[in-house]
Amino acid sequence: MNCPNCLQNELKVVDSRDVEDGIRRRRECLGCGYRFTTYERIQPTAVYVIKKDGRREEWSKDKLLGGLHKALEKRPMPVGTVDKLADEIEAELVETGRAEISSSAVGDKVMEKLKSIDNIAYIRFASVYRKFTDVTEFKEMVDKLIGRPEPDTRSQLPLLLDTEIKKAKRSKSHDTATIR
């Protein structure tokens, strides 16, 4: 590394701190005394997704997030669920240590995660991912879901808060009383 001021390569590190996704270092040039900051970030090895038609495409977390957002759209999920799911899926794929991952492995991993948290999101994603050609295939998948226990929804936000439910009940009983 060279000094951005005088281009000399003799530098010393004055201060070093961990930051969100790397290390921040304050450096000083031993030639001119100029101080500057550098940021060091770990650059993960590139992971490529092998598409069904054989094309190779660099991994994109944004594409994963887009698919998850569409599947979970208007579902009662806690804030941050989509990001957490994407992080989990990405971590599991990176942990395999492979430089290339098939798109079907990614899709299967997404379906596995969605199936464990929300049946509707699972069906939405599967209907696009599996490219159902007729209603019969779709019905078979729904029938398989009906035969298994519901996912644990305790972590989901309720559609109405308890205070809203009580308020609605009070206003309903008030409305009934005034009609009589």
N, C-alpha and C. Protein backbone atom coordinates (compact mmCIF):
# COMPACT_ATOMS: atom_id res chain seq x y z
N MET A 1 0.86 -1.17 0.00
CA MET A 1 0.00 0.00 0.00
C MET A 1 0.90 1.23 0.00
N ASN A 2 0.47 2.23 -0.74
CA ASN A 2 1.22 3.48 -0.83
C ASN A 2 0.43 4.62 -0.20
N CYS A 3 1.16 5.62 0.26
CA CYS A 3 0.54 6.82 0.81
C CYS A 3 -0.21 7.54 -0.31
N PRO A 4 -1.48 7.92 -0.09
CA PRO A 4 -2.21 8.62 -1.14
C PRO A 4 -1.69 10.05 -1.39
N ASN A 5 -0.85 10.56 -0.48
CA ASN A 5 -0.33 11.92 -0.59
C ASN A 5 1.00 11.95 -1.36
N CYS A 6 1.97 11.12 -0.90
CA CYS A 6 3.31 11.18 -1.51
C CYS A 6 3.70 9.89 -2.22
N LEU A 7 2.85 8.88 -2.19
CA LEU A 7 3.03 7.59 -2.85
C LEU A 7 4.15 6.74 -2.27
N GLN A 8 4.70 7.12 -1.13
CA GLN A 8 5.73 6.31 -0.47
C GLN A 8 5.05 5.08 0.13
N ASN A 9 5.78 3.96 0.22
CA ASN A 9 5.14 2.74 0.70
C ASN A 9 5.49 2.39 2.15
N GLU A 10 6.18 3.28 2.86
CA GLU A 10 6.48 3.01 4.27
C GLU A 10 5.42 3.69 5.14
N LEU A 11 4.56 2.86 5.72
CA LEU A 11 3.44 3.34 6.53
C LEU A 11 3.44 2.64 7.87
N LYS A 12 2.78 3.25 8.85
CA LYS A 12 2.57 2.57 10.12
C LYS A 12 1.09 2.67 10.49
N VAL A 13 0.62 1.66 11.20
CA VAL A 13 -0.77 1.63 11.66
C VAL A 13 -0.82 2.33 13.01
N VAL A 14 -1.63 3.40 13.09
CA VAL A 14 -1.76 4.18 14.32
C VAL A 14 -2.87 3.62 15.20
N ASP A 15 -3.97 3.19 14.59
CA ASP A 15 -5.13 2.70 15.34
C ASP A 15 -5.83 1.64 14.50
N SER A 16 -6.38 0.64 15.16
CA SER A 16 -7.09 -0.43 14.47
C SER A 16 -8.34 -0.77 15.26
N ARG A 17 -9.50 -0.80 14.58
CA ARG A 17 -10.77 -1.10 15.25
C ARG A 17 -11.62 -2.01 14.39
N ASP A 18 -12.35 -2.89 15.09
CA ASP A 18 -13.32 -3.73 14.38
C ASP A 18 -14.54 -2.88 14.06
N VAL A 19 -15.01 -3.01 12.85
CA VAL A 19 -16.26 -2.37 12.44
C VAL A 19 -17.20 -3.46 11.99
N GLU A 20 -18.40 -3.07 11.61
CA GLU A 20 -19.47 -4.00 11.29
C GLU A 20 -19.03 -5.19 10.44
N ASP A 21 -18.41 -4.94 9.32
CA ASP A 21 -18.08 -6.04 8.41
C ASP A 21 -16.59 -6.08 8.07
N GLY A 22 -15.73 -5.68 8.99
CA GLY A 22 -14.30 -5.72 8.73
C GLY A 22 -13.49 -4.99 9.78
N ILE A 23 -12.41 -4.38 9.34
CA ILE A 23 -11.50 -3.66 10.24
C ILE A 23 -11.22 -2.27 9.69
N ARG A 24 -11.24 -1.28 10.57
CA ARG A 24 -10.91 0.10 10.21
C ARG A 24 -9.53 0.39 10.76
N ARG A 25 -8.64 0.88 9.92
CA ARG A 25 -7.29 1.19 10.37
C ARG A 25 -6.94 2.65 10.04
N ARG A 26 -6.35 3.34 11.02
CA ARG A 26 -5.78 4.68 10.80
C ARG A 26 -4.31 4.46 10.51
N ARG A 27 -3.84 5.02 9.43
CA ARG A 27 -2.44 4.83 9.03
C ARG A 27 -1.75 6.18 8.93
N GLU A 28 -0.42 6.13 9.08
CA GLU A 28 0.39 7.34 8.97
C GLU A 28 1.58 7.04 8.07
N CYS A 29 1.83 7.94 7.12
CA CYS A 29 2.97 7.80 6.23
C CYS A 29 4.24 8.20 7.00
N LEU A 30 5.27 7.38 6.95
CA LEU A 30 6.51 7.68 7.64
C LEU A 30 7.33 8.73 6.88
N GLY A 31 6.98 8.95 5.61
CA GLY A 31 7.71 9.95 4.81
C GLY A 31 7.19 11.36 5.01
N CYS A 32 5.88 11.56 4.81
CA CYS A 32 5.32 12.91 4.85
C CYS A 32 4.45 13.17 6.08
N GLY A 33 4.13 12.13 6.86
CA GLY A 33 3.32 12.29 8.06
C GLY A 33 1.82 12.35 7.81
N TYR A 34 1.40 12.16 6.56
CA TYR A 34 -0.02 12.21 6.20
C TYR A 34 -0.76 11.04 6.86
N ARG A 35 -1.92 11.32 7.44
CA ARG A 35 -2.75 10.28 8.07
C ARG A 35 -3.99 10.02 7.23
N PHE A 36 -4.37 8.75 7.14
CA PHE A 36 -5.57 8.38 6.39
C PHE A 36 -6.15 7.10 6.96
N THR A 37 -7.38 6.81 6.56
CA THR A 37 -8.11 5.65 7.06
C THR A 37 -8.28 4.63 5.95
N THR A 38 -8.09 3.36 6.30
CA THR A 38 -8.39 2.28 5.36
C THR A 38 -9.38 1.33 6.01
N TYR A 39 -10.15 0.66 5.19
CA TYR A 39 -11.11 -0.34 5.66
C TYR A 39 -10.78 -1.66 5.00
N GLU A 40 -10.70 -2.68 5.82
CA GLU A 40 -10.42 -4.03 5.31
C GLU A 40 -11.65 -4.88 5.53
N ARG A 41 -12.09 -5.52 4.48
CA ARG A 41 -13.25 -6.40 4.56
C ARG A 41 -12.89 -7.75 3.98
N ILE A 42 -13.45 -8.76 4.60
CA ILE A 42 -13.23 -10.11 4.09
C ILE A 42 -14.08 -10.28 2.85
N GLN A 43 -13.45 -10.69 1.79
CA GLN A 43 -14.18 -10.91 0.55
C GLN A 43 -14.37 -12.41 0.39
N PRO A 44 -15.61 -12.86 0.55
CA PRO A 44 -15.84 -14.30 0.45
C PRO A 44 -15.57 -14.78 -0.98
N THR A 45 -15.22 -16.04 -1.09
CA THR A 45 -14.98 -16.59 -2.41
C THR A 45 -16.30 -16.57 -3.19
N ALA A 46 -16.20 -16.33 -4.44
CA ALA A 46 -17.40 -16.23 -5.28
C ALA A 46 -18.08 -17.59 -5.38
N VAL A 47 -19.38 -17.57 -5.19
CA VAL A 47 -20.19 -18.78 -5.34
C VAL A 47 -21.04 -18.59 -6.58
N TYR A 48 -21.06 -19.61 -7.41
CA TYR A 48 -21.85 -19.54 -8.64
C TYR A 48 -23.02 -20.51 -8.59
N VAL A 49 -24.11 -20.07 -9.17
CA VAL A 49 -25.32 -20.90 -9.25
C VAL A 49 -25.39 -21.45 -10.67
N ILE A 50 -25.53 -22.76 -10.77
CA ILE A 50 -25.66 -23.40 -12.07
C ILE A 50 -27.15 -23.53 -12.38
N LYS A 51 -27.58 -22.83 -13.41
CA LYS A 51 -28.99 -22.82 -13.79
C LYS A 51 -29.37 -24.13 -14.48
N LYS A 52 -30.66 -24.37 -14.61
CA LYS A 52 -31.15 -25.61 -15.23
C LYS A 52 -30.70 -25.75 -16.68
N ASP A 53 -30.51 -24.60 -17.37
CA ASP A 53 -30.08 -24.65 -18.77
C ASP A 53 -28.55 -24.71 -18.90
N GLY A 54 -27.83 -24.81 -17.76
CA GLY A 54 -26.38 -24.95 -17.79
C GLY A 54 -25.60 -23.65 -17.61
N ARG A 55 -26.30 -22.51 -17.64
CA ARG A 55 -25.61 -21.22 -17.45
C ARG A 55 -25.09 -21.11 -16.03
N ARG A 56 -23.97 -20.40 -15.88
CA ARG A 56 -23.42 -20.11 -14.55
C ARG A 56 -23.71 -18.65 -14.24
N GLU A 57 -24.19 -18.40 -13.03
CA GLU A 57 -24.53 -17.05 -12.62
C GLU A 57 -23.98 -16.83 -11.22
N GLU A 58 -23.38 -15.67 -10.97
CA GLU A 58 -22.85 -15.40 -9.64
C GLU A 58 -24.00 -15.31 -8.64
N TRP A 59 -23.75 -15.85 -7.43
CA TRP A 59 -24.75 -15.85 -6.37
C TRP A 59 -25.23 -14.44 -6.11
N SER A 60 -26.54 -14.27 -5.97
CA SER A 60 -27.12 -12.98 -5.68
C SER A 60 -28.11 -13.11 -4.53
N LYS A 61 -27.74 -12.54 -3.41
CA LYS A 61 -28.64 -12.56 -2.25
C LYS A 61 -29.88 -11.73 -2.54
N ASP A 62 -29.74 -10.70 -3.37
CA ASP A 62 -30.88 -9.87 -3.72
C ASP A 62 -31.96 -10.67 -4.44
N LYS A 63 -31.56 -11.61 -5.30
CA LYS A 63 -32.55 -12.45 -5.98
C LYS A 63 -33.26 -13.35 -4.98
N LEU A 64 -32.50 -13.88 -4.04
CA LEU A 64 -33.09 -14.71 -2.99
C LEU A 64 -34.09 -13.90 -2.18
N LEU A 65 -33.70 -12.71 -1.78
CA LEU A 65 -34.59 -11.83 -1.00
C LEU A 65 -35.85 -11.50 -1.79
N GLY A 66 -35.72 -11.27 -3.08
CA GLY A 66 -36.88 -10.97 -3.92
C GLY A 66 -37.88 -12.11 -3.92
N GLY A 67 -37.38 -13.34 -4.08
CA GLY A 67 -38.25 -14.51 -4.07
C GLY A 67 -38.93 -14.71 -2.72
N LEU A 68 -38.17 -14.49 -1.65
CA LEU A 68 -38.74 -14.64 -0.31
C LEU A 68 -39.77 -13.57 -0.03
N HIS A 69 -39.50 -12.33 -0.46
CA HIS A 69 -40.47 -11.25 -0.26
C HIS A 69 -41.78 -11.56 -0.97
N LYS A 70 -41.70 -12.08 -2.20
CA LYS A 70 -42.91 -12.41 -2.94
C LYS A 70 -43.69 -13.52 -2.25
N ALA A 71 -42.97 -14.54 -1.78
CA ALA A 71 -43.64 -15.67 -1.12
C ALA A 71 -44.28 -15.26 0.20
N LEU A 72 -43.63 -14.39 0.94
CA LEU A 72 -44.11 -14.00 2.27
C LEU A 72 -44.92 -12.70 2.27
N GLU A 73 -45.20 -12.18 1.08
CA GLU A 73 -45.94 -10.92 0.98
C GLU A 73 -47.31 -11.04 1.66
N LYS A 74 -47.61 -10.07 2.50
CA LYS A 74 -48.88 -9.97 3.22
C LYS A 74 -49.14 -11.14 4.18
N ARG A 75 -48.07 -11.79 4.60
CA ARG A 75 -48.19 -12.85 5.59
C ARG A 75 -47.83 -12.27 6.95
N PRO A 76 -48.47 -12.72 8.03
CA PRO A 76 -48.21 -12.15 9.35
C PRO A 76 -46.90 -12.68 9.94
N MET A 77 -45.80 -12.08 9.53
CA MET A 77 -44.47 -12.49 9.99
C MET A 77 -43.82 -11.35 10.77
N PRO A 78 -43.01 -11.68 11.76
CA PRO A 78 -42.29 -10.63 12.49
C PRO A 78 -41.33 -9.89 11.56
N VAL A 79 -41.05 -8.66 11.90
CA VAL A 79 -40.11 -7.86 11.12
C VAL A 79 -38.76 -8.58 11.13
N GLY A 80 -38.12 -8.62 9.99
CA GLY A 80 -36.80 -9.22 9.89
C GLY A 80 -36.80 -10.69 9.53
N THR A 81 -37.98 -11.29 9.39
CA THR A 81 -38.06 -12.71 9.08
C THR A 81 -37.42 -13.02 7.73
N VAL A 82 -37.69 -12.20 6.73
CA VAL A 82 -37.17 -12.45 5.39
C VAL A 82 -35.64 -12.37 5.39
N ASP A 83 -35.11 -11.33 6.04
CA ASP A 83 -33.65 -11.17 6.09
C ASP A 83 -33.00 -12.33 6.85
N LYS A 84 -33.62 -12.75 7.94
CA LYS A 84 -33.08 -13.86 8.73
C LYS A 84 -33.07 -15.14 7.91
N LEU A 85 -34.17 -15.39 7.20
CA LEU A 85 -34.26 -16.58 6.37
C LEU A 85 -33.19 -16.56 5.28
N ALA A 86 -33.04 -15.41 4.62
CA ALA A 86 -32.03 -15.28 3.56
C ALA A 86 -30.63 -15.51 4.11
N ASP A 87 -30.35 -14.95 5.29
CA ASP A 87 -29.04 -15.15 5.91
C ASP A 87 -28.79 -16.63 6.21
N GLU A 88 -29.81 -17.31 6.75
CA GLU A 88 -29.68 -18.74 7.07
C GLU A 88 -29.42 -19.55 5.82
N ILE A 89 -30.18 -19.29 4.77
CA ILE A 89 -30.02 -20.04 3.52
C ILE A 89 -28.65 -19.79 2.93
N GLU A 90 -28.25 -18.54 2.88
CA GLU A 90 -26.93 -18.19 2.32
C GLU A 90 -25.82 -18.86 3.12
N ALA A 91 -25.91 -18.82 4.45
CA ALA A 91 -24.88 -19.42 5.30
C ALA A 91 -24.79 -20.93 5.06
N GLU A 92 -25.94 -21.58 4.96
CA GLU A 92 -25.95 -23.03 4.74
C GLU A 92 -25.34 -23.39 3.39
N LEU A 93 -25.59 -22.56 2.37
CA LEU A 93 -25.03 -22.83 1.05
C LEU A 93 -23.52 -22.58 1.03
N VAL A 94 -23.08 -21.54 1.71
CA VAL A 94 -21.65 -21.23 1.77
C VAL A 94 -20.91 -22.30 2.58
N GLU A 95 -21.56 -22.79 3.64
CA GLU A 95 -20.94 -23.83 4.49
C GLU A 95 -20.65 -25.11 3.74
N THR A 96 -21.32 -25.33 2.63
CA THR A 96 -21.03 -26.54 1.85
C THR A 96 -19.61 -26.50 1.31
N GLY A 97 -19.06 -25.29 1.17
CA GLY A 97 -17.69 -25.14 0.69
C GLY A 97 -17.55 -25.30 -0.82
N ARG A 98 -18.65 -25.46 -1.50
CA ARG A 98 -18.60 -25.64 -2.95
C ARG A 98 -18.62 -24.29 -3.65
N ALA A 99 -17.90 -24.18 -4.73
CA ALA A 99 -17.85 -22.94 -5.50
C ALA A 99 -19.05 -22.84 -6.45
N GLU A 100 -19.67 -23.99 -6.74
CA GLU A 100 -20.82 -24.00 -7.63
C GLU A 100 -21.96 -24.77 -6.96
N ILE A 101 -23.14 -24.18 -7.03
CA ILE A 101 -24.33 -24.79 -6.43
C ILE A 101 -25.43 -24.78 -7.47
N SER A 102 -26.15 -25.87 -7.58
CA SER A 102 -27.23 -25.93 -8.57
C SER A 102 -28.41 -25.08 -8.11
N SER A 103 -29.11 -24.50 -9.06
CA SER A 103 -30.28 -23.69 -8.72
C SER A 103 -31.34 -24.53 -8.03
N SER A 104 -31.40 -25.81 -8.36
CA SER A 104 -32.39 -26.68 -7.71
C SER A 104 -32.04 -26.88 -6.24
N ALA A 105 -30.75 -26.91 -5.89
CA ALA A 105 -30.36 -27.03 -4.47
C ALA A 105 -30.77 -25.77 -3.71
N VAL A 106 -30.64 -24.62 -4.35
CA VAL A 106 -31.06 -23.36 -3.72
C VAL A 106 -32.58 -23.37 -3.54
N GLY A 107 -33.31 -23.74 -4.58
CA GLY A 107 -34.77 -23.77 -4.50
C GLY A 107 -35.27 -24.75 -3.46
N ASP A 108 -34.64 -25.92 -3.39
CA ASP A 108 -35.04 -26.92 -2.39
C ASP A 108 -34.80 -26.40 -0.97
N LYS A 109 -33.69 -25.70 -0.78
CA LYS A 109 -33.37 -25.14 0.54
C LYS A 109 -34.41 -24.08 0.93
N VAL A 110 -34.80 -23.24 -0.03
CA VAL A 110 -35.81 -22.21 0.23
C VAL A 110 -37.15 -22.87 0.59
N MET A 111 -37.53 -23.88 -0.17
CA MET A 111 -38.79 -24.57 0.10
C MET A 111 -38.78 -25.23 1.46
N GLU A 112 -37.65 -25.82 1.83
CA GLU A 112 -37.53 -26.47 3.14
C GLU A 112 -37.75 -25.45 4.26
N LYS A 113 -37.13 -24.27 4.13
CA LYS A 113 -37.27 -23.23 5.16
C LYS A 113 -38.69 -22.69 5.21
N LEU A 114 -39.28 -22.42 4.05
CA LEU A 114 -40.64 -21.87 4.01
C LEU A 114 -41.66 -22.87 4.55
N LYS A 115 -41.46 -24.13 4.25
CA LYS A 115 -42.39 -25.16 4.72
C LYS A 115 -42.44 -25.21 6.24
N SER A 116 -41.31 -24.89 6.88
CA SER A 116 -41.26 -24.96 8.34
C SER A 116 -41.86 -23.73 9.01
N ILE A 117 -42.07 -22.63 8.26
CA ILE A 117 -42.61 -21.44 8.93
C ILE A 117 -43.99 -21.00 8.45
N ASP A 118 -44.34 -21.28 7.18
CA ASP A 118 -45.64 -20.79 6.69
C ASP A 118 -46.08 -21.59 5.46
N ASN A 119 -47.23 -22.27 5.57
CA ASN A 119 -47.72 -23.10 4.47
C ASN A 119 -48.08 -22.27 3.23
N ILE A 120 -48.67 -21.11 3.42
CA ILE A 120 -49.08 -20.28 2.28
C ILE A 120 -47.86 -19.81 1.51
N ALA A 121 -46.84 -19.34 2.22
CA ALA A 121 -45.60 -18.89 1.56
C ALA A 121 -44.94 -20.06 0.83
N TYR A 122 -45.00 -21.23 1.45
CA TYR A 122 -44.44 -22.43 0.83
C TYR A 122 -45.15 -22.73 -0.49
N ILE A 123 -46.48 -22.68 -0.47
CA ILE A 123 -47.25 -22.96 -1.69
C ILE A 123 -46.98 -21.91 -2.76
N ARG A 124 -46.92 -20.65 -2.36
CA ARG A 124 -46.63 -19.58 -3.33
C ARG A 124 -45.30 -19.82 -4.01
N PHE A 125 -44.27 -20.09 -3.20
CA PHE A 125 -42.94 -20.29 -3.77
C PHE A 125 -42.91 -21.54 -4.64
N ALA A 126 -43.50 -22.62 -4.14
CA ALA A 126 -43.50 -23.89 -4.88
C ALA A 126 -44.22 -23.79 -6.21
N SER A 127 -45.30 -23.01 -6.24
CA SER A 127 -46.06 -22.89 -7.49
C SER A 127 -45.23 -22.25 -8.59
N VAL A 128 -44.32 -21.37 -8.24
CA VAL A 128 -43.44 -20.75 -9.23
C VAL A 128 -42.23 -21.65 -9.48
N TYR A 129 -41.64 -22.14 -8.41
CA TYR A 129 -40.41 -22.94 -8.51
C TYR A 129 -40.64 -24.27 -9.23
N ARG A 130 -41.73 -24.95 -8.90
CA ARG A 130 -42.01 -26.25 -9.51
C ARG A 130 -42.69 -26.14 -10.88
N LYS A 131 -43.12 -24.95 -11.23
CA LYS A 131 -43.77 -24.70 -12.53
C LYS A 131 -44.87 -25.71 -12.82
N PHE A 132 -45.88 -25.72 -11.97
CA PHE A 132 -46.98 -26.66 -12.14
C PHE A 132 -47.61 -26.46 -13.51
N THR A 133 -47.89 -27.58 -14.18
CA THR A 133 -48.49 -27.52 -15.51
C THR A 133 -50.00 -27.63 -15.45
N ASP A 134 -50.53 -28.21 -14.37
CA ASP A 134 -51.98 -28.30 -14.24
C ASP A 134 -52.39 -28.26 -12.76
N VAL A 135 -53.66 -28.16 -12.54
CA VAL A 135 -54.21 -28.03 -11.20
C VAL A 135 -53.98 -29.30 -10.39
N THR A 136 -53.92 -30.44 -11.04
CA THR A 136 -53.76 -31.71 -10.34
C THR A 136 -52.45 -31.74 -9.55
N GLU A 137 -51.36 -31.29 -10.18
CA GLU A 137 -50.06 -31.24 -9.48
C GLU A 137 -50.14 -30.32 -8.27
N PHE A 138 -50.80 -29.20 -8.45
CA PHE A 138 -50.95 -28.23 -7.37
C PHE A 138 -51.76 -28.83 -6.22
N LYS A 139 -52.85 -29.51 -6.57
CA LYS A 139 -53.72 -30.13 -5.57
C LYS A 139 -52.96 -31.21 -4.79
N GLU A 140 -52.14 -31.99 -5.47
CA GLU A 140 -51.36 -33.03 -4.80
C GLU A 140 -50.44 -32.42 -3.74
N MET A 141 -49.81 -31.29 -4.06
CA MET A 141 -48.93 -30.64 -3.10
C MET A 141 -49.72 -30.12 -1.90
N VAL A 142 -50.88 -29.53 -2.16
CA VAL A 142 -51.71 -29.03 -1.07
C VAL A 142 -52.20 -30.18 -0.20
N ASP A 143 -52.57 -31.28 -0.81
CA ASP A 143 -53.02 -32.45 -0.05
C ASP A 143 -51.92 -32.98 0.86
N LYS A 144 -50.68 -32.95 0.40
CA LYS A 144 -49.56 -33.39 1.23
C LYS A 144 -49.42 -32.47 2.44
N LEU A 145 -49.63 -31.18 2.23
CA LEU A 145 -49.54 -30.22 3.33
C LEU A 145 -50.66 -30.42 4.34
N ILE A 146 -51.85 -30.74 3.86
CA ILE A 146 -53.00 -30.91 4.75
C ILE A 146 -52.77 -32.10 5.68
N GLY A 147 -52.07 -33.11 5.22
CA GLY A 147 -51.83 -34.30 6.02
C GLY A 147 -50.74 -34.15 7.06
N ARG A 148 -50.10 -33.01 7.16
CA ARG A 148 -49.03 -32.84 8.14
C ARG A 148 -49.41 -31.75 9.14
N PRO A 149 -48.76 -31.75 10.31
CA PRO A 149 -49.09 -30.74 11.32
C PRO A 149 -48.74 -29.33 10.84
N GLU A 150 -49.48 -28.37 11.35
CA GLU A 150 -49.23 -26.96 11.02
C GLU A 150 -47.87 -26.53 11.55
N PRO A 151 -47.18 -25.59 10.85
CA PRO A 151 -45.93 -25.06 11.38
C PRO A 151 -46.17 -24.30 12.68
N ASP A 152 -45.15 -24.18 13.49
CA ASP A 152 -45.23 -23.44 14.75
C ASP A 152 -45.38 -21.97 14.43
N THR A 153 -46.53 -21.40 14.71
CA THR A 153 -46.79 -19.99 14.37
C THR A 153 -46.67 -19.07 15.57
N ARG A 154 -46.15 -19.57 16.68
CA ARG A 154 -46.02 -18.72 17.86
C ARG A 154 -45.10 -17.54 17.62
N SER A 155 -44.17 -17.68 16.68
CA SER A 155 -43.25 -16.58 16.41
C SER A 155 -43.87 -15.56 15.46
N GLN A 156 -45.03 -15.88 14.87
CA GLN A 156 -45.69 -14.95 13.98
C GLN A 156 -46.44 -13.90 14.78
N LEU A 157 -46.54 -12.73 14.19
CA LEU A 157 -47.32 -11.68 14.80
C LEU A 157 -48.80 -11.97 14.62
N PRO A 158 -49.64 -11.66 15.59
CA PRO A 158 -51.07 -11.87 15.41
C PRO A 158 -51.63 -10.88 14.40
N LEU A 159 -52.71 -11.25 13.74
CA LEU A 159 -53.32 -10.34 12.79
C LEU A 159 -53.86 -9.10 13.49
N LEU A 160 -54.41 -9.29 14.69
CA LEU A 160 -54.89 -8.18 15.50
C LEU A 160 -54.24 -8.26 16.87
N LEU A 161 -53.89 -7.14 17.41
CA LEU A 161 -53.35 -7.10 18.76
C LEU A 161 -54.47 -7.32 19.77
N ASP A 162 -54.12 -7.83 20.95
CA ASP A 162 -55.13 -8.10 21.99
C ASP A 162 -55.95 -6.85 22.30
N THR A 163 -55.31 -5.69 22.33
CA THR A 163 -56.03 -4.45 22.63
C THR A 163 -57.05 -4.14 21.54
N GLU A 164 -56.71 -4.43 20.28
CA GLU A 164 -57.65 -4.19 19.19
C GLU A 164 -58.84 -5.14 19.26
N ILE A 165 -58.59 -6.39 19.67
CA ILE A 165 -59.67 -7.36 19.80
C ILE A 165 -60.64 -6.92 20.89
N LYS A 166 -60.09 -6.52 22.06
CA LYS A 166 -60.95 -6.06 23.16
C LYS A 166 -61.73 -4.82 22.75
N LYS A 167 -61.09 -3.92 22.05
CA LYS A 167 -61.75 -2.69 21.61
C LYS A 167 -62.90 -3.02 20.65
N ALA A 168 -62.66 -3.97 19.74
CA ALA A 168 -63.69 -4.37 18.79
C ALA A 168 -64.87 -5.02 19.51
N LYS A 169 -64.57 -5.84 20.52
CA LYS A 169 -65.64 -6.48 21.27
C LYS A 169 -66.47 -5.45 22.02
N ARG A 170 -65.78 -4.45 22.63
CA ARG A 170 -66.50 -3.40 23.37
C ARG A 170 -67.39 -2.59 22.43
N SER A 171 -66.87 -2.24 21.27
CA SER A 171 -67.67 -1.42 20.35
C SER A 171 -68.84 -2.23 19.80
N LYS A 172 -68.65 -3.55 19.62
CA LYS A 172 -69.74 -4.40 19.13
C LYS A 172 -70.85 -4.47 20.16
N SER A 173 -70.49 -4.65 21.44
CA SER A 173 -71.52 -4.74 22.50
C SER A 173 -72.18 -3.38 22.68
N HIS A 174 -71.44 -2.30 22.47
CA HIS A 174 -71.99 -0.95 22.56
C HIS A 174 -73.00 -0.72 21.42
N ASP A 175 -72.63 -1.17 20.22
CA ASP A 175 -73.53 -1.03 19.07
C ASP A 175 -74.82 -1.81 19.29
N THR A 176 -74.73 -3.00 19.84
CA THR A 176 -75.89 -3.83 20.09
C THR A 176 -76.81 -3.18 21.12
N ALA A 177 -76.23 -2.58 22.15
CA ALA A 177 -77.00 -1.96 23.22
C ALA A 177 -77.77 -0.75 22.69
N THR A 178 -77.20 0.02 21.79
CA THR A 178 -77.88 1.21 21.29
C THR A 178 -78.98 0.87 20.30
N ILE A 179 -78.89 -0.27 19.65
CA ILE A 179 -79.91 -0.68 18.67
C ILE A 179 -81.19 -1.07 19.37
N ARG A 180 -81.12 -1.68 20.53
CA ARG A 180 -82.29 -2.17 21.26
C ARG A 180 -83.10 -1.05 21.72
